[in-house]
Every structure is written in structure tokens, then in C-alpha cells.
């Protein structure tokens, strides 16, 4: 199969449709696993959302634990950018 030319894909497909499809598939697959485990998938998702955003302490814990992931991603991005710059400088002066 030939790779898709990203310049021909409309912005709304890559920025809206693809993330919504990913979230929908993730909810369906996780709901299937929860159903196989013998629990109600709707109730499980409702409890997860309420526990994360339903009251101020839950939201504070969500921000507290999310901060580690955000800073890890930022550190990785900085390292990746510097590595690319280093490679380009090496290629330019080789």
C-alpha cells in the first residue's frame, strides 16, 4: 500500500476526525475489556470521568499526576530537537 500524501489530506480530517476516531476506538476497546471482566462499561467510564474532573480534589490530583507526563514529553521533545540540530550541523560541516 502506498503512503498517504499528508499535503492532500484536509486539515479537519487530521485535526478533528482522526483524534475522534482514536478516542471512540479506545472507549470501545476498553469498554469491551470491562464488559468481559463482568462490570458495566458505562458505569466504569462515568466513575473515571467523575473521579478525574467531578470534584476539586479529583481535578487537583489529575493535574498533579499529569504534570509528570507533560514535563517528560517536553524533555523528550527538547532532546529530540537538539539531536536533530546536532545531526544537521554534522552533515553541514562533513
N, C-alpha and C. Protein backbone atom coordinates (compact mmCIF):
# COMPACT_ATOMS: atom_id res chain seq x y z
N UNK A 1 0.84 -1.17 0.00
CA UNK A 1 0.00 0.00 0.00
C UNK A 1 0.89 1.24 0.00
N UNK A 2 0.54 2.20 -0.83
CA UNK A 2 1.34 3.42 -0.96
C UNK A 2 1.06 4.35 0.22
N UNK A 3 2.09 5.07 0.69
CA UNK A 3 1.87 6.01 1.80
C UNK A 3 0.98 7.17 1.36
N UNK A 4 0.23 7.72 2.32
CA UNK A 4 -0.68 8.83 2.05
C UNK A 4 0.11 10.13 2.03
N UNK A 5 -0.13 10.93 1.01
CA UNK A 5 0.49 12.25 0.93
C UNK A 5 -0.25 13.18 1.88
N UNK A 6 0.41 13.59 2.97
CA UNK A 6 -0.24 14.38 4.01
C UNK A 6 -0.61 15.78 3.54
N UNK A 7 0.01 16.26 2.46
CA UNK A 7 -0.35 17.58 1.97
C UNK A 7 -1.71 17.58 1.28
N UNK A 8 -2.21 16.41 0.90
CA UNK A 8 -3.51 16.32 0.23
C UNK A 8 -4.65 16.02 1.19
N UNK A 9 -4.35 15.75 2.45
CA UNK A 9 -5.38 15.47 3.44
C UNK A 9 -5.86 16.79 4.03
N UNK A 10 -7.19 17.04 4.03
CA UNK A 10 -7.68 18.30 4.61
C UNK A 10 -7.34 18.40 6.09
N UNK A 11 -7.17 19.64 6.58
CA UNK A 11 -6.76 19.85 7.97
C UNK A 11 -7.78 19.30 8.95
N UNK A 12 -9.08 19.38 8.60
CA UNK A 12 -10.11 18.93 9.53
C UNK A 12 -10.11 17.42 9.69
N UNK A 13 -9.60 16.70 8.70
CA UNK A 13 -9.52 15.25 8.85
C UNK A 13 -8.42 14.88 9.83
N UNK A 14 -7.24 15.48 9.67
CA UNK A 14 -6.12 15.12 10.53
C UNK A 14 -6.24 15.72 11.93
N UNK A 15 -6.94 16.86 12.07
CA UNK A 15 -7.02 17.53 13.37
C UNK A 15 -8.31 17.25 14.13
N UNK A 16 -9.36 16.80 13.45
CA UNK A 16 -10.63 16.54 14.13
C UNK A 16 -11.09 15.10 14.02
N UNK A 17 -11.14 14.59 12.82
CA UNK A 17 -11.71 13.26 12.60
C UNK A 17 -10.82 12.16 13.18
N UNK A 18 -9.52 12.22 12.90
CA UNK A 18 -8.62 11.16 13.37
C UNK A 18 -8.58 11.08 14.90
N UNK A 19 -8.44 12.20 15.64
CA UNK A 19 -8.49 12.08 17.10
C UNK A 19 -9.82 11.57 17.63
N UNK A 20 -10.93 11.99 17.02
CA UNK A 20 -12.24 11.50 17.47
C UNK A 20 -12.39 10.00 17.21
N UNK A 21 -11.91 9.53 16.08
CA UNK A 21 -11.96 8.09 15.80
C UNK A 21 -11.07 7.34 16.78
N UNK A 22 -9.89 7.87 17.10
CA UNK A 22 -8.99 7.23 18.06
C UNK A 22 -9.65 7.14 19.44
N UNK A 23 -10.26 8.23 19.90
CA UNK A 23 -10.93 8.21 21.20
C UNK A 23 -12.10 7.23 21.22
N UNK A 24 -12.87 7.20 20.14
CA UNK A 24 -14.00 6.29 20.07
C UNK A 24 -13.54 4.84 20.11
N UNK A 25 -12.51 4.51 19.33
CA UNK A 25 -11.99 3.14 19.34
C UNK A 25 -11.42 2.78 20.71
N UNK A 26 -10.73 3.71 21.36
CA UNK A 26 -10.18 3.43 22.69
C UNK A 26 -11.30 3.16 23.69
N UNK A 27 -12.37 3.96 23.64
CA UNK A 27 -13.50 3.73 24.54
C UNK A 27 -14.19 2.40 24.25
N UNK A 28 -14.33 2.05 22.99
CA UNK A 28 -14.97 0.78 22.64
C UNK A 28 -14.14 -0.42 23.10
N UNK A 29 -12.84 -0.37 22.86
CA UNK A 29 -11.98 -1.49 23.24
C UNK A 29 -11.91 -1.62 24.76
N UNK A 30 -11.74 -0.49 25.46
CA UNK A 30 -11.70 -0.56 26.92
C UNK A 30 -13.05 -1.00 27.47
N UNK A 31 -14.14 -0.55 26.87
CA UNK A 31 -15.47 -0.99 27.29
C UNK A 31 -15.66 -2.48 27.07
N UNK A 32 -15.10 -3.00 26.00
CA UNK A 32 -15.18 -4.44 25.75
C UNK A 32 -14.44 -5.22 26.83
N UNK A 33 -13.25 -4.76 27.20
CA UNK A 33 -12.49 -5.44 28.26
C UNK A 33 -13.22 -5.35 29.61
N UNK A 34 -13.81 -4.20 29.89
CA UNK A 34 -14.55 -4.04 31.14
C UNK A 34 -15.77 -4.96 31.14
N UNK A 35 -16.44 -5.07 30.00
CA UNK A 35 -17.60 -5.96 29.89
C UNK A 35 -17.20 -7.42 30.06
N UNK A 36 -16.07 -7.81 29.47
CA UNK A 36 -15.57 -9.18 29.63
C UNK A 36 -15.25 -9.46 31.10
N UNK A 37 -14.78 -8.45 31.81
CA UNK A 37 -14.46 -8.61 33.23
C UNK A 37 -15.72 -8.70 34.09
N UNK A 38 -16.88 -8.45 33.49
CA UNK A 38 -18.14 -8.62 34.22
C UNK A 38 -18.68 -7.36 34.85
N UNK A 39 -18.19 -6.20 34.45
CA UNK A 39 -18.67 -4.94 35.01
C UNK A 39 -19.40 -4.14 33.93
N UNK A 40 -20.07 -3.09 34.35
CA UNK A 40 -20.82 -2.23 33.44
C UNK A 40 -19.86 -1.18 32.85
N UNK A 41 -19.60 -1.20 31.54
CA UNK A 41 -18.67 -0.24 30.93
C UNK A 41 -19.12 1.21 31.09
N UNK A 42 -20.40 1.48 30.98
CA UNK A 42 -20.90 2.85 31.13
C UNK A 42 -20.61 3.37 32.54
N UNK A 43 -20.88 2.54 33.54
CA UNK A 43 -20.63 2.95 34.92
C UNK A 43 -19.13 3.17 35.17
N UNK A 44 -18.28 2.33 34.58
CA UNK A 44 -16.84 2.47 34.76
C UNK A 44 -16.34 3.79 34.17
N UNK A 45 -16.78 4.13 32.97
CA UNK A 45 -16.36 5.39 32.33
C UNK A 45 -16.90 6.58 33.13
N UNK A 46 -18.13 6.47 33.60
CA UNK A 46 -18.70 7.55 34.40
C UNK A 46 -17.90 7.77 35.68
N UNK A 47 -17.48 6.69 36.34
CA UNK A 47 -16.68 6.82 37.56
C UNK A 47 -15.30 7.40 37.27
N UNK A 48 -14.69 7.01 36.15
CA UNK A 48 -13.38 7.55 35.79
C UNK A 48 -13.47 9.06 35.54
N UNK A 49 -14.48 9.48 34.79
CA UNK A 49 -14.63 10.91 34.50
C UNK A 49 -14.97 11.68 35.76
N UNK A 50 -15.85 11.14 36.60
CA UNK A 50 -16.17 11.83 37.85
C UNK A 50 -14.96 11.90 38.77
N UNK A 51 -14.20 10.82 38.85
CA UNK A 51 -13.02 10.81 39.71
C UNK A 51 -11.94 11.76 39.23
N UNK A 52 -11.89 12.01 37.94
CA UNK A 52 -10.86 12.90 37.39
C UNK A 52 -11.28 14.36 37.37
N UNK A 53 -12.53 14.63 37.10
CA UNK A 53 -12.98 16.02 36.89
C UNK A 53 -14.22 16.40 37.69
N UNK A 54 -14.79 15.48 38.43
CA UNK A 54 -16.08 15.72 39.08
C UNK A 54 -16.05 16.57 40.32
N UNK A 55 -14.94 16.65 41.00
CA UNK A 55 -14.83 17.48 42.20
C UNK A 55 -13.42 18.03 42.26
N UNK A 56 -13.21 19.03 43.07
CA UNK A 56 -11.97 19.82 43.03
C UNK A 56 -10.75 18.98 43.42
N UNK A 57 -10.88 18.10 44.41
CA UNK A 57 -9.72 17.28 44.81
C UNK A 57 -9.33 16.31 43.70
N UNK A 58 -10.32 15.73 43.03
CA UNK A 58 -10.03 14.83 41.92
C UNK A 58 -9.35 15.54 40.77
N UNK A 59 -9.81 16.75 40.48
CA UNK A 59 -9.18 17.54 39.43
C UNK A 59 -7.76 17.93 39.81
N UNK A 60 -7.55 18.25 41.08
CA UNK A 60 -6.20 18.60 41.55
C UNK A 60 -5.26 17.40 41.42
N UNK A 61 -5.72 16.20 41.77
CA UNK A 61 -4.89 15.01 41.61
C UNK A 61 -4.61 14.73 40.13
N UNK A 62 -5.62 14.98 39.28
CA UNK A 62 -5.41 14.79 37.84
C UNK A 62 -4.30 15.71 37.34
N UNK A 63 -4.34 16.97 37.74
CA UNK A 63 -3.28 17.91 37.34
C UNK A 63 -1.93 17.52 37.94
N UNK A 64 -1.94 17.07 39.19
CA UNK A 64 -0.70 16.69 39.88
C UNK A 64 -0.01 15.54 39.15
N UNK A 65 -0.76 14.50 38.78
CA UNK A 65 -0.15 13.35 38.13
C UNK A 65 0.11 13.58 36.65
N UNK A 66 -0.64 14.47 36.02
CA UNK A 66 -0.43 14.77 34.61
C UNK A 66 0.85 15.58 34.40
N UNK A 67 1.22 16.38 35.39
CA UNK A 67 2.40 17.24 35.28
C UNK A 67 3.66 16.43 34.95
N UNK A 68 3.81 15.26 35.56
CA UNK A 68 4.98 14.43 35.29
C UNK A 68 5.04 14.02 33.82
N UNK A 69 3.90 13.64 33.26
CA UNK A 69 3.88 13.24 31.85
C UNK A 69 4.16 14.41 30.93
N UNK A 70 3.63 15.58 31.26
CA UNK A 70 3.84 16.76 30.43
C UNK A 70 5.32 17.14 30.41
N UNK A 71 5.95 17.17 31.58
CA UNK A 71 7.37 17.54 31.62
C UNK A 71 8.25 16.47 30.98
N UNK A 72 7.87 15.21 31.10
CA UNK A 72 8.62 14.15 30.41
C UNK A 72 8.54 14.33 28.90
N UNK A 73 7.35 14.65 28.39
CA UNK A 73 7.19 14.89 26.96
C UNK A 73 7.97 16.09 26.50
N UNK A 74 7.97 17.16 27.30
CA UNK A 74 8.74 18.35 26.94
C UNK A 74 10.24 18.07 26.93
N UNK A 75 10.71 17.31 27.91
CA UNK A 75 12.13 16.97 27.95
C UNK A 75 12.52 16.13 26.74
N UNK A 76 11.68 15.17 26.38
CA UNK A 76 11.96 14.35 25.21
C UNK A 76 11.96 15.19 23.95
N UNK A 77 11.04 16.14 23.83
CA UNK A 77 10.97 17.00 22.65
C UNK A 77 12.22 17.86 22.53
N UNK A 78 12.69 18.41 23.64
CA UNK A 78 13.89 19.24 23.62
C UNK A 78 15.10 18.41 23.19
N UNK A 79 15.23 17.23 23.76
CA UNK A 79 16.35 16.35 23.40
C UNK A 79 16.28 15.97 21.93
N UNK A 80 15.08 15.66 21.44
CA UNK A 80 14.93 15.27 20.04
C UNK A 80 15.30 16.41 19.11
N UNK A 81 14.87 17.62 19.43
CA UNK A 81 15.19 18.78 18.59
C UNK A 81 16.70 19.02 18.59
N UNK A 82 17.33 18.96 19.75
CA UNK A 82 18.78 19.17 19.82
C UNK A 82 19.53 18.08 19.08
N UNK A 83 19.04 16.85 19.13
CA UNK A 83 19.69 15.75 18.41
C UNK A 83 19.60 15.99 16.90
N UNK A 84 18.44 16.44 16.42
CA UNK A 84 18.29 16.74 15.00
C UNK A 84 19.21 17.87 14.59
N UNK A 85 19.30 18.92 15.43
CA UNK A 85 20.20 20.03 15.12
C UNK A 85 21.64 19.55 15.05
N UNK A 86 22.03 18.69 15.98
CA UNK A 86 23.39 18.15 16.01
C UNK A 86 23.68 17.34 14.74
N UNK A 87 22.73 16.54 14.32
CA UNK A 87 22.91 15.75 13.10
C UNK A 87 23.04 16.66 11.89
N UNK A 88 22.21 17.71 11.82
CA UNK A 88 22.26 18.62 10.68
C UNK A 88 23.58 19.39 10.65
N UNK A 89 24.08 19.80 11.81
CA UNK A 89 25.36 20.50 11.86
C UNK A 89 26.48 19.56 11.42
N UNK A 90 26.43 18.32 11.87
CA UNK A 90 27.44 17.35 11.45
C UNK A 90 27.42 17.14 9.94
N UNK A 91 26.22 17.09 9.37
CA UNK A 91 26.11 16.90 7.92
C UNK A 91 26.60 18.13 7.15
N UNK A 92 26.35 19.31 7.70
CA UNK A 92 26.73 20.54 7.02
C UNK A 92 28.24 20.72 6.99
N UNK A 93 28.93 20.29 8.04
CA UNK A 93 30.38 20.50 8.13
C UNK A 93 31.19 19.25 7.84
N UNK A 94 30.55 18.22 7.32
CA UNK A 94 31.29 17.00 7.00
C UNK A 94 31.86 17.06 5.61
